[in-house]
């Protein structure tokens, strides 16, 4: 089974740079803008990285759950790197909190459901 490495905010910046470091498995980049994700996957594939994308919004628990379900359908989710974020400078405070704080919580909630087995 192929290892899946999820990287939020993977279409640019730190997320894209992290994605470039994976030499095995499938790197699944995610973000809100499909055109940026498509470009990132093209760049990653040109570097020899096995990559795919899924659009989504980590401020939505439903969207994050869909991301993890999709990732699980591709293989064994091994890695989660949360690099999605927005700058608080000039941004709407509620939007910043939804992405930077609640988005992290949503990722933790979904990840624990696949990595931690509570009996």
PDB file of N, CA and C in Angstrom:
ATOM      1  N   UNK A   1       0.839  -1.174   0.000  1.00  0.00           N
ATOM      2  CA  UNK A   1       0.000   0.000   0.000  1.00  0.00           C
ATOM      3  C   UNK A   1       0.892   1.248   0.000  1.00  0.00           C
ATOM      4  N   UNK A   2       0.559   2.203  -0.824  1.00  0.00           N
ATOM      5  CA  UNK A   2       1.342   3.427  -0.979  1.00  0.00           C
ATOM      6  C   UNK A   2       1.154   4.356   0.221  1.00  0.00           C
ATOM      7  N   UNK A   3       2.252   4.957   0.681  1.00  0.00           N
ATOM      8  CA  UNK A   3       2.181   5.961   1.736  1.00  0.00           C
ATOM      9  C   UNK A   3       1.696   7.279   1.151  1.00  0.00           C
ATOM     10  N   UNK A   4       0.806   7.938   1.881  1.00  0.00           N
ATOM     11  CA  UNK A   4       0.249   9.218   1.465  1.00  0.00           C
ATOM     12  C   UNK A   4       0.726  10.286   2.435  1.00  0.00           C
ATOM     13  N   UNK A   5       1.211  11.385   1.883  1.00  0.00           N
ATOM     14  CA  UNK A   5       1.702  12.504   2.673  1.00  0.00           C
ATOM     15  C   UNK A   5       0.815  13.711   2.362  1.00  0.00           C
ATOM     16  N   UNK A   6      -0.020  14.127   3.305  1.00  0.00           N
ATOM     17  CA  UNK A   6      -0.928  15.254   3.114  1.00  0.00           C
ATOM     18  C   UNK A   6      -0.206  16.542   3.514  1.00  0.00           C
ATOM     19  N   UNK A   7      -0.283  17.541   2.641  1.00  0.00           N
ATOM     20  CA  UNK A   7       0.299  18.847   2.956  1.00  0.00           C
ATOM     21  C   UNK A   7      -0.753  19.915   2.678  1.00  0.00           C
ATOM     22  N   UNK A   8      -1.253  20.530   3.759  1.00  0.00           N
ATOM     23  CA  UNK A   8      -2.195  21.635   3.581  1.00  0.00           C
ATOM     24  C   UNK A   8      -1.411  22.888   3.214  1.00  0.00           C
ATOM     25  N   UNK A   9      -2.045  23.755   2.439  1.00  0.00           N
ATOM     26  CA  UNK A   9      -1.324  24.936   1.979  1.00  0.00           C
ATOM     27  C   UNK A   9      -0.187  24.552   1.054  1.00  0.00           C
ATOM     28  N   UNK A  10      -0.329  23.441   0.377  1.00  0.00           N
ATOM     29  CA  UNK A  10       0.758  22.878  -0.417  1.00  0.00           C
ATOM     30  C   UNK A  10       0.930  23.462  -1.799  1.00  0.00           C
ATOM     31  N   UNK A  11       0.148  24.471  -2.136  1.00  0.00           N
ATOM     32  CA  UNK A  11       0.267  25.024  -3.485  1.00  0.00           C
ATOM     33  C   UNK A  11       1.340  26.103  -3.596  1.00  0.00           C
ATOM     34  N   UNK A  12       1.878  26.544  -2.452  1.00  0.00           N
ATOM     35  CA  UNK A  12       2.899  27.594  -2.504  1.00  0.00           C
ATOM     36  C   UNK A  12       3.655  27.655  -1.181  1.00  0.00           C
ATOM     37  N   UNK A  13       4.653  28.504  -1.152  1.00  0.00           N
ATOM     38  CA  UNK A  13       5.375  28.802   0.080  1.00  0.00           C
ATOM     39  C   UNK A  13       5.964  27.591   0.776  1.00  0.00           C
ATOM     40  N   UNK A  14       5.859  27.585   2.088  1.00  0.00           N
ATOM     41  CA  UNK A  14       6.434  26.527   2.910  1.00  0.00           C
ATOM     42  C   UNK A  14       5.847  25.166   2.558  1.00  0.00           C
ATOM     43  N   UNK A  15       4.549  25.107   2.320  1.00  0.00           N
ATOM     44  CA  UNK A  15       3.911  23.835   1.987  1.00  0.00           C
ATOM     45  C   UNK A  15       4.478  23.212   0.726  1.00  0.00           C
ATOM     46  N   UNK A  16       4.643  24.010  -0.305  1.00  0.00           N
ATOM     47  CA  UNK A  16       5.202  23.503  -1.557  1.00  0.00           C
ATOM     48  C   UNK A  16       6.649  23.080  -1.371  1.00  0.00           C
ATOM     49  N   UNK A  17       7.409  23.856  -0.617  1.00  0.00           N
ATOM     50  CA  UNK A  17       8.807  23.487  -0.366  1.00  0.00           C
ATOM     51  C   UNK A  17       8.890  22.171   0.406  1.00  0.00           C
ATOM     52  N   UNK A  18       7.997  21.959   1.354  1.00  0.00           N
ATOM     53  CA  UNK A  18       7.962  20.674   2.078  1.00  0.00           C
ATOM     54  C   UNK A  18       7.645  19.540   1.117  1.00  0.00           C
ATOM     55  N   UNK A  19       6.678  19.758   0.238  1.00  0.00           N
ATOM     56  CA  UNK A  19       6.261  18.722  -0.709  1.00  0.00           C
ATOM     57  C   UNK A  19       7.423  18.273  -1.590  1.00  0.00           C
ATOM     58  N   UNK A  20       8.306  19.172  -1.917  1.00  0.00           N
ATOM     59  CA  UNK A  20       9.444  18.860  -2.783  1.00  0.00           C
ATOM     60  C   UNK A  20      10.432  17.904  -2.124  1.00  0.00           C
ATOM     61  N   UNK A  21      10.362  17.746  -0.837  1.00  0.00           N
ATOM     62  CA  UNK A  21      11.334  16.923  -0.104  1.00  0.00           C
ATOM     63  C   UNK A  21      10.987  15.436  -0.083  1.00  0.00           C
ATOM     64  N   UNK A  22       9.765  15.080  -0.451  1.00  0.00           N
ATOM     65  CA  UNK A  22       9.347  13.675  -0.372  1.00  0.00           C
ATOM     66  C   UNK A  22       9.827  12.902  -1.588  1.00  0.00           C
ATOM     67  N   UNK A  23      10.507  11.806  -1.319  1.00  0.00           N
ATOM     68  CA  UNK A  23      11.055  10.982  -2.401  1.00  0.00           C
ATOM     69  C   UNK A  23      10.304   9.664  -2.559  1.00  0.00           C
ATOM     70  N   UNK A  24       9.431   9.351  -1.600  1.00  0.00           N
ATOM     71  CA  UNK A  24       8.647   8.113  -1.705  1.00  0.00           C
ATOM     72  C   UNK A  24       7.199   8.418  -1.386  1.00  0.00           C
ATOM     73  N   UNK A  25       6.323   7.551  -1.845  1.00  0.00           N
ATOM     74  CA  UNK A  25       4.905   7.726  -1.584  1.00  0.00           C
ATOM     75  C   UNK A  25       4.299   8.815  -2.457  1.00  0.00           C
ATOM     76  N   UNK A  26       3.051   9.114  -2.171  1.00  0.00           N
ATOM     77  CA  UNK A  26       2.301  10.124  -2.917  1.00  0.00           C
ATOM     78  C   UNK A  26       2.109  11.349  -2.038  1.00  0.00           C
ATOM     79  N   UNK A  27       2.497  12.501  -2.566  1.00  0.00           N
ATOM     80  CA  UNK A  27       2.282  13.762  -1.865  1.00  0.00           C
ATOM     81  C   UNK A  27       0.943  14.323  -2.325  1.00  0.00           C
ATOM     82  N   UNK A  28       0.045  14.517  -1.370  1.00  0.00           N
ATOM     83  CA  UNK A  28      -1.289  15.051  -1.652  1.00  0.00           C
ATOM     84  C   UNK A  28      -1.342  16.481  -1.120  1.00  0.00           C
ATOM     85  N   UNK A  29      -1.259  17.448  -2.036  1.00  0.00           N
ATOM     86  CA  UNK A  29      -1.316  18.846  -1.624  1.00  0.00           C
ATOM     87  C   UNK A  29      -2.769  19.297  -1.646  1.00  0.00           C
ATOM     88  N   UNK A  30      -3.088  20.183  -0.714  1.00  0.00           N
ATOM     89  CA  UNK A  30      -4.455  20.666  -0.632  1.00  0.00           C
ATOM     90  C   UNK A  30      -4.465  22.159  -0.363  1.00  0.00           C
ATOM     91  N   UNK A  31      -5.519  22.785  -0.809  1.00  0.00           N
ATOM     92  CA  UNK A  31      -5.707  24.218  -0.638  1.00  0.00           C
ATOM     93  C   UNK A  31      -7.037  24.613  -1.246  1.00  0.00           C
ATOM     94  N   UNK A  32      -7.308  25.897  -1.253  1.00  0.00           N
ATOM     95  CA  UNK A  32      -8.617  26.378  -1.704  1.00  0.00           C
ATOM     96  C   UNK A  32      -8.674  26.710  -3.193  1.00  0.00           C
ATOM     97  N   UNK A  33      -7.523  26.892  -3.846  1.00  0.00           N
ATOM     98  CA  UNK A  33      -7.514  27.368  -5.226  1.00  0.00           C
ATOM     99  C   UNK A  33      -6.992  26.288  -6.166  1.00  0.00           C
ATOM    100  N   UNK A  34      -7.900  25.734  -6.967  1.00  0.00           N
ATOM    101  CA  UNK A  34      -7.546  24.610  -7.827  1.00  0.00           C
ATOM    102  C   UNK A  34      -6.442  24.954  -8.822  1.00  0.00           C
ATOM    103  N   UNK A  35      -6.481  26.133  -9.418  1.00  0.00           N
ATOM    104  CA  UNK A  35      -5.455  26.478 -10.409  1.00  0.00           C
ATOM    105  C   UNK A  35      -4.059  26.499  -9.785  1.00  0.00           C
ATOM    106  N   UNK A  36      -3.940  26.965  -8.552  1.00  0.00           N
ATOM    107  CA  UNK A  36      -2.643  26.956  -7.864  1.00  0.00           C
ATOM    108  C   UNK A  36      -2.208  25.533  -7.547  1.00  0.00           C
ATOM    109  N   UNK A  37      -3.155  24.688  -7.167  1.00  0.00           N
ATOM    110  CA  UNK A  37      -2.837  23.292  -6.864  1.00  0.00           C
ATOM    111  C   UNK A  37      -2.377  22.559  -8.118  1.00  0.00           C
ATOM    112  N   UNK A  38      -3.043  22.803  -9.230  1.00  0.00           N
ATOM    113  CA  UNK A  38      -2.643  22.173 -10.492  1.00  0.00           C
ATOM    114  C   UNK A  38      -1.212  22.556 -10.858  1.00  0.00           C
ATOM    115  N   UNK A  39      -0.894  23.835 -10.723  1.00  0.00           N
ATOM    116  CA  UNK A  39       0.460  24.311 -11.028  1.00  0.00           C
ATOM    117  C   UNK A  39       1.490  23.675 -10.099  1.00  0.00           C
ATOM    118  N   UNK A  40       1.148  23.568  -8.808  1.00  0.00           N
ATOM    119  CA  UNK A  40       2.063  22.959  -7.841  1.00  0.00           C
ATOM    120  C   UNK A  40       2.323  21.496  -8.182  1.00  0.00           C
ATOM    121  N   UNK A  41       1.282  20.762  -8.545  1.00  0.00           N
ATOM    122  CA  UNK A  41       1.444  19.344  -8.887  1.00  0.00           C
ATOM    123  C   UNK A  41       2.313  19.198 -10.133  1.00  0.00           C
ATOM    124  N   UNK A  42       2.124  20.066 -11.115  1.00  0.00           N
ATOM    125  CA  UNK A  42       2.981  20.039 -12.308  1.00  0.00           C
ATOM    126  C   UNK A  42       4.449  20.247 -11.920  1.00  0.00           C
ATOM    127  N   UNK A  43       4.684  21.222 -11.047  1.00  0.00           N
ATOM    128  CA  UNK A  43       6.049  21.516 -10.597  1.00  0.00           C
ATOM    129  C   UNK A  43       6.643  20.328  -9.846  1.00  0.00           C
ATOM    130  N   UNK A  44       5.847  19.723  -8.970  1.00  0.00           N
ATOM    131  CA  UNK A  44       6.322  18.577  -8.196  1.00  0.00           C
ATOM    132  C   UNK A  44       6.640  17.397  -9.103  1.00  0.00           C
ATOM    133  N   UNK A  45       5.759  17.111 -10.051  1.00  0.00           N
ATOM    134  CA  UNK A  45       5.987  15.996 -10.959  1.00  0.00           C
ATOM    135  C   UNK A  45       7.231  16.223 -11.811  1.00  0.00           C
ATOM    136  N   UNK A  46       7.489  17.478 -12.190  1.00  0.00           N
ATOM    137  CA  UNK A  46       8.701  17.794 -12.968  1.00  0.00           C
ATOM    138  C   UNK A  46       9.959  17.513 -12.158  1.00  0.00           C
ATOM    139  N   UNK A  47       9.838  17.553 -10.833  1.00  0.00           N
ATOM    140  CA  UNK A  47      10.961  17.251  -9.946  1.00  0.00           C
ATOM    141  C   UNK A  47      11.036  15.765  -9.580  1.00  0.00           C
ATOM    142  N   UNK A  48      10.116  14.979 -10.117  1.00  0.00           N
ATOM    143  CA  UNK A  48      10.114  13.547  -9.840  1.00  0.00           C
ATOM    144  C   UNK A  48       9.314  13.147  -8.616  1.00  0.00           C
ATOM    145  N   UNK A  49       8.520  14.054  -8.073  1.00  0.00           N
ATOM    146  CA  UNK A  49       7.693  13.752  -6.904  1.00  0.00           C
ATOM    147  C   UNK A  49       6.344  13.242  -7.386  1.00  0.00           C
ATOM    148  N   UNK A  50       5.908  12.107  -6.861  1.00  0.00           N
ATOM    149  CA  UNK A  50       4.579  11.577  -7.156  1.00  0.00           C
ATOM    150  C   UNK A  50       3.581  12.450  -6.396  1.00  0.00           C
ATOM    151  N   UNK A  51       2.772  13.209  -7.112  1.00  0.00           N
ATOM    152  CA  UNK A  51       1.922  14.203  -6.459  1.00  0.00           C
ATOM    153  C   UNK A  51       0.517  14.215  -7.040  1.00  0.00           C
ATOM    154  N   UNK A  52      -0.418  14.619  -6.199  1.00  0.00           N
ATOM    155  CA  UNK A  52      -1.814  14.809  -6.583  1.00  0.00           C
ATOM    156  C   UNK A  52      -2.346  15.946  -5.713  1.00  0.00           C
ATOM    157  N   UNK A  53      -3.552  16.395  -6.024  1.00  0.00           N
ATOM    158  CA  UNK A  53      -4.139  17.453  -5.208  1.00  0.00           C
ATOM    159  C   UNK A  53      -5.608  17.181  -4.931  1.00  0.00           C
ATOM    160  N   UNK A  54      -6.104  17.845  -3.905  1.00  0.00           N
ATOM    161  CA  UNK A  54      -7.537  17.848  -3.575  1.00  0.00           C
ATOM    162  C   UNK A  54      -7.850  19.233  -3.055  1.00  0.00           C
ATOM    163  N   UNK A  55      -8.796  19.892  -3.706  1.00  0.00           N
ATOM    164  CA  UNK A  55      -9.198  21.201  -3.208  1.00  0.00           C
ATOM    165  C   UNK A  55      -9.974  21.022  -1.911  1.00  0.00           C
ATOM    166  N   UNK A  56      -9.859  21.997  -1.051  1.00  0.00           N
ATOM    167  CA  UNK A  56     -10.573  21.950   0.211  1.00  0.00           C
ATOM    168  C   UNK A  56     -10.273  23.169   1.043  1.00  0.00           C
ATOM    169  N   UNK A  57     -10.964  23.258   2.153  1.00  0.00           N
ATOM    170  CA  UNK A  57     -10.843  24.407   3.047  1.00  0.00           C
ATOM    171  C   UNK A  57     -10.760  23.879   4.469  1.00  0.00           C
ATOM    172  N   UNK A  58      -9.609  24.012   5.107  1.00  0.00           N
ATOM    173  CA  UNK A  58      -9.448  23.438   6.440  1.00  0.00           C
ATOM    174  C   UNK A  58     -10.281  24.133   7.502  1.00  0.00           C
ATOM    175  N   UNK A  59     -10.890  25.266   7.178  1.00  0.00           N
ATOM    176  CA  UNK A  59     -11.771  25.901   8.159  1.00  0.00           C
ATOM    177  C   UNK A  59     -13.093  25.159   8.282  1.00  0.00           C
ATOM    178  N   UNK A  60     -13.317  24.174   7.429  1.00  0.00           N
ATOM    179  CA  UNK A  60     -14.536  23.361   7.451  1.00  0.00           C
ATOM    180  C   UNK A  60     -14.197  21.925   7.854  1.00  0.00           C
ATOM    181  N   UNK A  61     -14.774  21.458   8.961  1.00  0.00           N
ATOM    182  CA  UNK A  61     -14.533  20.075   9.387  1.00  0.00           C
ATOM    183  C   UNK A  61     -14.985  19.087   8.316  1.00  0.00           C
ATOM    184  N   UNK A  62     -16.086  19.372   7.660  1.00  0.00           N
ATOM    185  CA  UNK A  62     -16.585  18.497   6.601  1.00  0.00           C
ATOM    186  C   UNK A  62     -15.576  18.385   5.457  1.00  0.00           C
ATOM    187  N   UNK A  63     -14.991  19.500   5.078  1.00  0.00           N
ATOM    188  CA  UNK A  63     -13.998  19.501   4.020  1.00  0.00           C
ATOM    189  C   UNK A  63     -12.755  18.706   4.426  1.00  0.00           C
ATOM    190  N   UNK A  64     -12.329  18.853   5.665  1.00  0.00           N
ATOM    191  CA  UNK A  64     -11.159  18.117   6.159  1.00  0.00           C
ATOM    192  C   UNK A  64     -11.466  16.623   6.219  1.00  0.00           C
ATOM    193  N   UNK A  65     -12.661  16.262   6.669  1.00  0.00           N
ATOM    194  CA  UNK A  65     -13.052  14.847   6.682  1.00  0.00           C
ATOM    195  C   UNK A  65     -13.018  14.266   5.270  1.00  0.00           C
ATOM    196  N   UNK A  66     -13.502  15.036   4.293  1.00  0.00           N
ATOM    197  CA  UNK A  66     -13.465  14.591   2.897  1.00  0.00           C
ATOM    198  C   UNK A  66     -12.026  14.405   2.417  1.00  0.00           C
ATOM    199  N   UNK A  67     -11.151  15.307   2.822  1.00  0.00           N
ATOM    200  CA  UNK A  67      -9.734  15.201   2.469  1.00  0.00           C
ATOM    201  C   UNK A  67      -9.145  13.887   2.983  1.00  0.00           C
ATOM    202  N   UNK A  68      -9.401  13.582   4.241  1.00  0.00           N
ATOM    203  CA  UNK A  68      -8.847  12.359   4.818  1.00  0.00           C
ATOM    204  C   UNK A  68      -9.465  11.111   4.186  1.00  0.00           C
ATOM    205  N   UNK A  69     -10.749  11.149   3.889  1.00  0.00           N
ATOM    206  CA  UNK A  69     -11.374   9.998   3.226  1.00  0.00           C
ATOM    207  C   UNK A  69     -10.747   9.779   1.853  1.00  0.00           C
ATOM    208  N   UNK A  70     -10.525  10.849   1.130  1.00  0.00           N
ATOM    209  CA  UNK A  70      -9.882  10.748  -0.180  1.00  0.00           C
ATOM    210  C   UNK A  70      -8.468  10.202  -0.038  1.00  0.00           C
ATOM    211  N   UNK A  71      -7.717  10.740   0.908  1.00  0.00           N
ATOM    212  CA  UNK A  71      -6.346  10.275   1.131  1.00  0.00           C
ATOM    213  C   UNK A  71      -6.327   8.791   1.475  1.00  0.00           C
ATOM    214  N   UNK A  72      -7.233   8.360   2.349  1.00  0.00           N
ATOM    215  CA  UNK A  72      -7.295   6.939   2.724  1.00  0.00           C
ATOM    216  C   UNK A  72      -7.630   6.062   1.527  1.00  0.00           C
ATOM    217  N   UNK A  73      -8.404   6.581   0.583  1.00  0.00           N
ATOM    218  CA  UNK A  73      -8.738   5.784  -0.605  1.00  0.00           C
ATOM    219  C   UNK A  73      -7.519   5.587  -1.510  1.00  0.00           C
ATOM    220  N   UNK A  74      -6.510   6.435  -1.337  1.00  0.00           N
ATOM    221  CA  UNK A  74      -5.295   6.346  -2.151  1.00  0.00           C
ATOM    222  C   UNK A  74      -4.220   5.470  -1.528  1.00  0.00           C
ATOM    223  N   UNK A  75      -4.293   5.272  -0.207  1.00  0.00           N
ATOM    224  CA  UNK A  75      -3.269   4.474   0.456  1.00  0.00           C
ATOM    225  C   UNK A  75      -3.256   4.704   1.952  1.00  0.00           C
ATOM    226  N   UNK A  76      -2.082   4.511   2.535  1.00  0.00           N
ATOM    227  CA  UNK A  76      -1.880   4.629   3.976  1.00  0.00           C
ATOM    228  C   UNK A  76      -1.428   6.053   4.319  1.00  0.00           C
ATOM    229  N   UNK A  77      -2.272   6.794   5.046  1.00  0.00           N
ATOM    230  CA  UNK A  77      -1.907   8.166   5.412  1.00  0.00           C
ATOM    231  C   UNK A  77      -0.797   8.102   6.450  1.00  0.00           C
ATOM    232  N   UNK A  78       0.383   8.530   6.048  1.00  0.00           N
ATOM    233  CA  UNK A  78       1.561   8.440   6.900  1.00  0.00           C
ATOM    234  C   UNK A  78       1.958   9.787   7.492  1.00  0.00           C
ATOM    235  N   UNK A  79       1.745  10.863   6.731  1.00  0.00           N
ATOM    236  CA  UNK A  79       2.248  12.175   7.127  1.00  0.00           C
ATOM    237  C   UNK A  79       1.170  13.231   6.967  1.00  0.00           C
ATOM    238  N   UNK A  80       1.147  14.170   7.910  1.00  0.00           N
ATOM    239  CA  UNK A  80       0.304  15.360   7.790  1.00  0.00           C
ATOM    240  C   UNK A  80       1.161  16.570   8.132  1.00  0.00           C
ATOM    241  N   UNK A  81       1.281  17.469   7.175  1.00  0.00           N
ATOM    242  CA  UNK A  81       1.969  18.738   7.408  1.00  0.00           C
ATOM    243  C   UNK A  81       0.942  19.842   7.206  1.00  0.00           C
ATOM    244  N   UNK A  82       0.702  20.603   8.266  1.00  0.00           N
ATOM    245  CA  UNK A  82      -0.245  21.715   8.167  1.00  0.00           C
ATOM    246  C   UNK A  82       0.524  23.002   7.937  1.00  0.00           C
ATOM    247  N   UNK A  83       0.500  23.454   6.692  1.00  0.00           N
ATOM    248  CA  UNK A  83       1.169  24.702   6.382  1.00  0.00           C
ATOM    249  C   UNK A  83       0.172  25.731   5.857  1.00  0.00           C
ATOM    250  N   UNK A  84      -1.111  25.399   5.930  1.00  0.00           N
ATOM    251  CA  UNK A  84      -2.137  26.357   5.525  1.00  0.00           C
ATOM    252  C   UNK A  84      -2.208  27.464   6.567  1.00  0.00           C
ATOM    253  N   UNK A  85      -2.333  28.662   6.100  1.00  0.00           N
ATOM    254  CA  UNK A  85      -2.458  29.771   7.033  1.00  0.00           C
ATOM    255  C   UNK A  85      -2.614  31.074   6.284  1.00  0.00           C
ATOM    256  N   UNK A  86      -3.143  32.044   6.992  1.00  0.00           N
ATOM    257  CA  UNK A  86      -3.288  33.376   6.421  1.00  0.00           C
ATOM    258  C   UNK A  86      -2.654  34.370   7.383  1.00  0.00           C
ATOM    259  N   UNK A  87      -2.191  35.446   6.828  1.00  0.00           N
ATOM    260  CA  UNK A  87      -1.573  36.481   7.642  1.00  0.00           C
ATOM    261  C   UNK A  87      -2.653  37.298   8.334  1.00  0.00           C
ATOM    262  N   UNK A  88      -2.421  37.621   9.580  1.00  0.00           N
ATOM    263  CA  UNK A  88      -3.362  38.448  10.309  1.00  0.00           C
ATOM    264  C   UNK A  88      -3.282  39.911   9.912  1.00  0.00           C
ATOM    265  N   UNK A  89      -2.250  40.290   9.196  1.00  0.00           N
ATOM    266  CA  UNK A  89      -2.070  41.682   8.802  1.00  0.00           C
ATOM    267  C   UNK A  89      -3.047  42.031   7.682  1.00  0.00           C
ATOM    268  N   UNK A  90      -3.960  42.894   7.967  1.00  0.00           N
ATOM    269  CA  UNK A  90      -4.925  43.335   6.964  1.00  0.00           C
ATOM    270  C   UNK A  90      -6.015  42.332   6.647  1.00  0.00           C
ATOM    271  N   UNK A  91      -6.004  41.185   7.288  1.00  0.00           N
ATOM    272  CA  UNK A  91      -7.013  40.163   7.025  1.00  0.00           C
ATOM    273  C   UNK A  91      -8.131  40.261   8.049  1.00  0.00           C
ATOM    274  N   UNK A  92      -9.250  39.747   7.671  1.00  0.00           N
ATOM    275  CA  UNK A  92     -10.384  39.676   8.571  1.00  0.00           C
ATOM    276  C   UNK A  92     -10.031  38.760   9.745  1.00  0.00           C
ATOM    277  N   UNK A  93     -10.216  39.231  10.965  1.00  0.00           N
ATOM    278  CA  UNK A  93      -9.822  38.470  12.154  1.00  0.00           C
ATOM    279  C   UNK A  93     -10.550  37.129  12.234  1.00  0.00           C
ATOM    280  N   UNK A  94     -11.836  37.102  11.923  1.00  0.00           N
ATOM    281  CA  UNK A  94     -12.607  35.852  11.981  1.00  0.00           C
ATOM    282  C   UNK A  94     -12.054  34.842  10.969  1.00  0.00           C
ATOM    283  N   UNK A  95     -11.781  35.301   9.761  1.00  0.00           N
ATOM    284  CA  UNK A  95     -11.234  34.437   8.721  1.00  0.00           C
ATOM    285  C   UNK A  95      -9.882  33.870   9.144  1.00  0.00           C
ATOM    286  N   UNK A  96      -9.039  34.720   9.719  1.00  0.00           N
ATOM    287  CA  UNK A  96      -7.726  34.286  10.182  1.00  0.00           C
ATOM    288  C   UNK A  96      -7.856  33.208  11.253  1.00  0.00           C
ATOM    289  N   UNK A  97      -8.751  33.405  12.216  1.00  0.00           N
ATOM    290  CA  UNK A  97      -8.962  32.408  13.268  1.00  0.00           C
ATOM    291  C   UNK A  97      -9.523  31.102  12.713  1.00  0.00           C
ATOM    292  N   UNK A  98     -10.428  31.203  11.742  1.00  0.00           N
ATOM    293  CA  UNK A  98     -11.019  29.993  11.160  1.00  0.00           C
ATOM    294  C   UNK A  98      -9.973  29.134  10.458  1.00  0.00           C
ATOM    295  N   UNK A  99      -9.052  29.765   9.753  1.00  0.00           N
ATOM    296  CA  UNK A  99      -8.005  29.016   9.044  1.00  0.00           C
ATOM    297  C   UNK A  99      -6.895  28.595   9.997  1.00  0.00           C
ATOM    298  N   UNK A 100      -6.320  29.555  10.698  1.00  0.00           N
ATOM    299  CA  UNK A 100      -5.104  29.305  11.472  1.00  0.00           C
ATOM    300  C   UNK A 100      -5.358  28.515  12.753  1.00  0.00           C
ATOM    301  N   UNK A 101      -6.482  28.721  13.403  1.00  0.00           N
ATOM    302  CA  UNK A 101      -6.757  28.042  14.674  1.00  0.00           C
ATOM    303  C   UNK A 101      -7.723  26.879  14.504  1.00  0.00           C
ATOM    304  N   UNK A 102      -8.922  27.166  13.999  1.00  0.00           N
ATOM    305  CA  UNK A 102      -9.904  26.096  13.851  1.00  0.00           C
ATOM    306  C   UNK A 102      -9.476  25.072  12.802  1.00  0.00           C
ATOM    307  N   UNK A 103      -8.792  25.527  11.756  1.00  0.00           N
ATOM    308  CA  UNK A 103      -8.306  24.595  10.742  1.00  0.00           C
ATOM    309  C   UNK A 103      -7.377  23.557  11.333  1.00  0.00           C
ATOM    310  N   UNK A 104      -6.510  23.988  12.212  1.00  0.00           N
ATOM    311  CA  UNK A 104      -5.598  23.062  12.891  1.00  0.00           C
ATOM    312  C   UNK A 104      -6.384  22.065  13.735  1.00  0.00           C
ATOM    313  N   UNK A 105      -7.384  22.542  14.449  1.00  0.00           N
ATOM    314  CA  UNK A 105      -8.228  21.654  15.255  1.00  0.00           C
ATOM    315  C   UNK A 105      -8.932  20.630  14.373  1.00  0.00           C
ATOM    316  N   UNK A 106      -9.476  21.062  13.233  1.00  0.00           N
ATOM    317  CA  UNK A 106     -10.157  20.132  12.327  1.00  0.00           C
ATOM    318  C   UNK A 106      -9.207  19.047  11.827  1.00  0.00           C
ATOM    319  N   UNK A 107      -7.982  19.434  11.508  1.00  0.00           N
ATOM    320  CA  UNK A 107      -6.999  18.451  11.047  1.00  0.00           C
ATOM    321  C   UNK A 107      -6.673  17.438  12.139  1.00  0.00           C
ATOM    322  N   UNK A 108      -6.508  17.915  13.362  1.00  0.00           N
ATOM    323  CA  UNK A 108      -6.224  17.018  14.485  1.00  0.00           C
ATOM    324  C   UNK A 108      -7.371  16.045  14.693  1.00  0.00           C
ATOM    325  N   UNK A 109      -8.599  16.550  14.646  1.00  0.00           N
ATOM    326  CA  UNK A 109      -9.771  15.685  14.838  1.00  0.00           C
ATOM    327  C   UNK A 109      -9.822  14.579  13.786  1.00  0.00           C
ATOM    328  N   UNK A 110      -9.598  14.928  12.531  1.00  0.00           N
ATOM    329  CA  UNK A 110      -9.646  13.923  11.465  1.00  0.00           C
ATOM    330  C   UNK A 110      -8.472  12.961  11.548  1.00  0.00           C
ATOM    331  N   UNK A 111      -7.293  13.474  11.852  1.00  0.00           N
ATOM    332  CA  UNK A 111      -6.111  12.619  11.930  1.00  0.00           C
ATOM    333  C   UNK A 111      -6.220  11.617  13.068  1.00  0.00           C
ATOM    334  N   UNK A 112      -6.717  12.047  14.202  1.00  0.00           N
ATOM    335  CA  UNK A 112      -6.798  11.121  15.335  1.00  0.00           C
ATOM    336  C   UNK A 112      -7.750   9.966  15.038  1.00  0.00           C
ATOM    337  N   UNK A 113      -8.729  10.204  14.184  1.00  0.00           N
ATOM    338  CA  UNK A 113      -9.671   9.139  13.845  1.00  0.00           C
ATOM    339  C   UNK A 113      -9.039   8.028  13.014  1.00  0.00           C
ATOM    340  N   UNK A 114      -7.938   8.326  12.340  1.00  0.00           N
ATOM    341  CA  UNK A 114      -7.285   7.264  11.573  1.00  0.00           C
ATOM    342  C   UNK A 114      -6.026   6.739  12.241  1.00  0.00           C
ATOM    343  N   UNK A 115      -5.409   7.540  13.095  1.00  0.00           N
ATOM    344  CA  UNK A 115      -4.144   7.116  13.698  1.00  0.00           C
ATOM    345  C   UNK A 115      -4.290   6.593  15.125  1.00  0.00           C
ATOM    346  N   UNK A 116      -5.323   7.007  15.824  1.00  0.00           N
ATOM    347  CA  UNK A 116      -5.477   6.605  17.222  1.00  0.00           C
ATOM    348  C   UNK A 116      -6.711   5.723  17.338  1.00  0.00           C
ATOM    349  N   UNK A 117      -6.511   4.490  17.748  1.00  0.00           N
ATOM    350  CA  UNK A 117      -7.607   3.553  17.916  1.00  0.00           C
ATOM    351  C   UNK A 117      -7.997   3.504  19.380  1.00  0.00           C
ATOM    352  N   UNK A 118      -9.173   4.035  19.691  1.00  0.00           N
ATOM    353  CA  UNK A 118      -9.665   4.049  21.059  1.00  0.00           C
ATOM    354  C   UNK A 118     -10.621   2.871  21.236  1.00  0.00           C
ATOM    355  N   UNK A 119     -10.348   2.070  22.253  1.00  0.00           N
ATOM    356  CA  UNK A 119     -11.203   0.894  22.506  1.00  0.00           C
ATOM    357  C   UNK A 119     -11.862   0.990  23.841  1.00  0.00           C
TER     358      UNK A 119
END
